[in-house]
Protein backbone atom coordinates (compact mmCIF):
# COMPACT_ATOMS: atom_id res chain seq x y z
CA MET A 1 0.00 0.00 0.00
CA SER A 2 1.35 3.39 -0.91
CA ARG A 3 1.84 6.15 1.61
CA LEU A 4 -0.60 8.42 -0.24
CA TYR A 5 -3.34 5.78 -0.10
CA SER A 6 -2.63 5.09 3.58
CA TRP A 7 -2.79 8.78 4.40
CA MET A 8 -6.01 9.27 2.40
CA ARG A 9 -7.60 6.15 3.90
CA ALA A 10 -6.82 7.35 7.42
CA ARG A 11 -8.02 10.89 6.67
CA LEU A 12 -11.08 10.11 4.54
CA GLY A 13 -12.17 6.58 5.40
CA ARG A 14 -13.81 4.18 2.95
CA ARG A 15 -16.79 6.42 2.30
CA GLY A 16 -14.59 9.45 1.74
CA LEU A 17 -12.40 7.61 -0.76
CA ALA A 18 -15.48 6.45 -2.66
CA LEU A 19 -16.85 10.00 -2.54
CA VAL A 20 -13.62 11.33 -4.05
CA ALA A 21 -13.84 8.76 -6.86
CA PHE A 22 -17.50 9.58 -7.60
CA SER A 23 -16.77 13.31 -7.45
CA LEU A 24 -13.88 12.99 -9.90
CA VAL A 25 -16.06 11.02 -12.34
CA PHE A 26 -18.75 13.70 -12.13
CA ALA A 27 -16.14 16.47 -12.52
CA LEU A 28 -14.75 14.78 -15.64
CA THR A 29 -18.28 14.51 -17.03
CA GLY A 30 -18.73 18.25 -16.42
CA LEU A 31 -15.40 19.00 -18.05
CA ALA A 32 -16.42 16.95 -21.09
CA ALA A 33 -19.71 18.89 -21.25
CA LEU A 34 -17.68 22.11 -21.25
CA LEU A 35 -15.01 21.12 -23.76
CA GLU A 36 -17.20 19.19 -26.19
CA PRO A 37 -20.88 19.92 -25.60
CA ALA A 38 -23.09 17.09 -26.83
CA GLN A 39 -26.20 17.84 -28.82
CA ASP A 40 -29.53 16.09 -28.31
CA GLN A 41 -29.74 15.00 -31.98
CA GLY A 42 -33.44 14.19 -31.67
CA ARG A 43 -32.98 11.75 -28.80
CA PHE A 44 -35.52 13.57 -26.60
CA ILE A 45 -33.17 13.57 -23.58
CA LEU A 46 -34.39 16.39 -21.34
CA TYR A 47 -31.16 17.51 -19.71
CA MET A 48 -29.60 17.96 -23.15
CA SER A 49 -32.06 20.81 -23.73
CA LEU A 50 -30.40 22.77 -20.91
CA PRO A 51 -27.91 25.42 -22.01
CA VAL A 52 -24.31 24.21 -21.93
CA PRO A 53 -23.35 26.36 -18.89
CA ALA A 54 -26.25 24.85 -16.92
CA ARG A 55 -25.15 21.32 -17.87
CA VAL A 56 -21.60 22.11 -16.79
CA VAL A 57 -22.83 23.45 -13.44
CA LEU A 58 -25.08 20.39 -13.06
CA TRP A 59 -21.92 18.25 -12.97
CA LEU A 60 -19.20 20.50 -11.55
CA ALA A 61 -21.05 22.02 -8.57
CA PRO A 62 -21.98 18.65 -6.99
CA ALA A 63 -18.50 17.30 -7.80
CA ALA A 64 -16.87 20.23 -6.00
CA LEU A 65 -19.25 19.84 -3.06
CA GLY A 66 -18.48 16.10 -2.97
CA LEU A 67 -14.72 16.72 -2.87
CA TRP A 68 -15.14 19.38 -0.17
CA ALA A 69 -17.30 17.04 1.92
CA ALA A 70 -14.87 14.12 1.51
CA PHE A 71 -11.95 16.15 2.82
CA ARG A 72 -13.91 17.35 5.85
CA GLY A 73 -13.03 14.03 7.47
CA VAL A 74 -14.55 10.73 8.42
CA GLY A 75 -18.23 10.93 9.27
CA ARG A 76 -18.75 14.44 7.86
CA ASP A 77 -19.40 13.61 4.21
CA ALA A 78 -23.19 13.16 3.95
CA VAL A 79 -23.72 16.46 2.14
CA GLY A 80 -21.33 15.33 -0.59
CA PHE A 81 -23.30 12.17 -1.27
CA ALA A 82 -26.55 14.13 -1.24
CA ALA A 83 -25.12 16.57 -3.79
CA LEU A 84 -24.05 13.78 -6.15
CA VAL A 85 -27.52 12.27 -6.11
CA VAL A 86 -28.92 15.36 -7.88
CA PRO A 87 -27.20 15.04 -11.28
CA ALA A 88 -27.59 11.26 -11.26
CA CYS A 89 -31.36 11.64 -10.73
CA VAL A 90 -31.67 14.39 -13.36
CA VAL A 91 -29.84 12.39 -16.01
CA ALA A 92 -31.59 9.09 -15.16
CA PHE A 93 -34.98 10.82 -15.39
CA SER A 94 -33.95 12.40 -18.69
CA TYR A 95 -33.18 9.02 -20.18
CA VAL A 96 -36.41 7.53 -18.81
CA TRP A 97 -38.22 10.44 -20.46
CA SER A 98 -36.43 9.62 -23.72
CA MET A 99 -37.62 6.04 -23.44
CA VAL A 100 -41.20 7.25 -22.89
CA GLY A 101 -40.80 9.52 -25.93
CA TYR A 102 -39.73 6.53 -28.00
CA PHE A 103 -42.82 4.52 -27.02
CA ALA A 104 -45.04 7.57 -27.61
CA GLY A 105 -43.59 7.99 -31.11
CA LEU A 106 -41.95 11.34 -30.37
CA THR A 107 -38.42 10.13 -31.18
CA ASP A 108 -36.82 7.25 -32.99
CA TYR A 109 -34.07 6.88 -30.36
CA GLY A 110 -34.87 3.52 -28.77
CA LEU A 111 -31.82 3.26 -26.52
CA GLY A 112 -32.96 5.61 -23.76
CA TRP A 113 -33.37 2.58 -21.54
CA THR A 114 -29.61 1.95 -21.64
CA GLY A 115 -28.82 5.45 -20.36
CA ALA A 116 -31.58 5.18 -17.77
CA GLY A 117 -30.23 1.83 -16.59
CA ARG A 118 -26.65 3.11 -16.44
CA TRP A 119 -27.54 6.17 -14.37
CA LEU A 120 -29.95 4.29 -12.11
CA LEU A 121 -27.15 1.81 -11.36
CA ILE A 122 -24.76 4.67 -10.58
CA LEU A 123 -27.43 6.18 -8.34
CA THR A 124 -27.89 2.81 -6.61
CA LEU A 125 -24.16 2.51 -6.01
CA LEU A 126 -24.06 6.06 -4.61
CA LEU A 127 -26.86 5.24 -2.18
CA ILE A 128 -25.24 1.95 -1.12
CA VAL A 129 -21.88 3.59 -0.39
CA SER A 130 -23.52 6.51 1.41
CA GLY A 131 -25.07 4.02 3.83
CA TRP A 132 -21.78 2.35 4.71
CA LYS A 133 -20.44 2.66 8.21
CA GLU A 134 -16.73 3.18 8.60
CA ALA A 135 -14.93 -0.03 9.56
CA ASP A 136 -13.54 1.47 12.76
CA GLU A 137 -16.85 2.92 13.97
CA LEU A 138 -18.02 1.23 17.12
CA PRO A 139 -21.63 0.06 17.23
CA PRO A 140 -23.85 2.14 19.50
CA LEU A 141 -24.01 0.97 23.09
CA PRO A 142 -27.36 -0.46 24.13
CA ARG A 143 -29.38 1.89 26.30
CA PRO A 144 -30.11 0.61 29.78
CA GLU A 145 -33.75 -0.31 30.35
CA GLU A 146 -35.66 2.02 32.63
CA GLY A 147 -35.97 0.66 36.11
CA ALA A 148 -33.24 -1.93 35.53
CA PRO A 149 -30.44 -2.00 38.08
CA ARG A 150 -27.26 -0.40 36.84
CA GLY A 151 -24.12 -2.27 37.50
C-alpha cells in the first residue's frame, strides 16, 4: 500500500475515498460537457435541452461539493453524497423520459433505456456507499432499560 493511499484512507475513510472517486467522475463529465458539448440529436433527452453552462454546473457544482465534503473528514461527508444524487437523478430521469418519448412515437431513439439503466445503477451505487459505516466505527451501546439495576 502506498503512503498516499494510507494517508487518504486514514483521513477520509472508505466512504470518503469512494466519494472522491465519484466526485472525480462527475467532474470529468462536467469537463467533457464544457469542452465538447453534446447535442440532443433528436434523442428527446431532457437535460440535453439545458444550455451548456447549466449542464456544466449540473456536474461541476456537486462534484466540488463532494470533494469538499470528503476532505472534511470521516463521518462528515453526507452532504457530498446528497449533492451527487442530484445530477444522477436528473440524467436518469432524462433518459427515462427519452424512453417514454420513443414509445409515444416522439423520437426514434430507442436506446434511452440503456442510459436510464446506467444512471440508475450509478445512483444505486451512490446510495449503497452513502449508507456504509466506517470499519472502525463502534456500534452504539445499548441503552439501559428504565428501572433496571445499573451495575
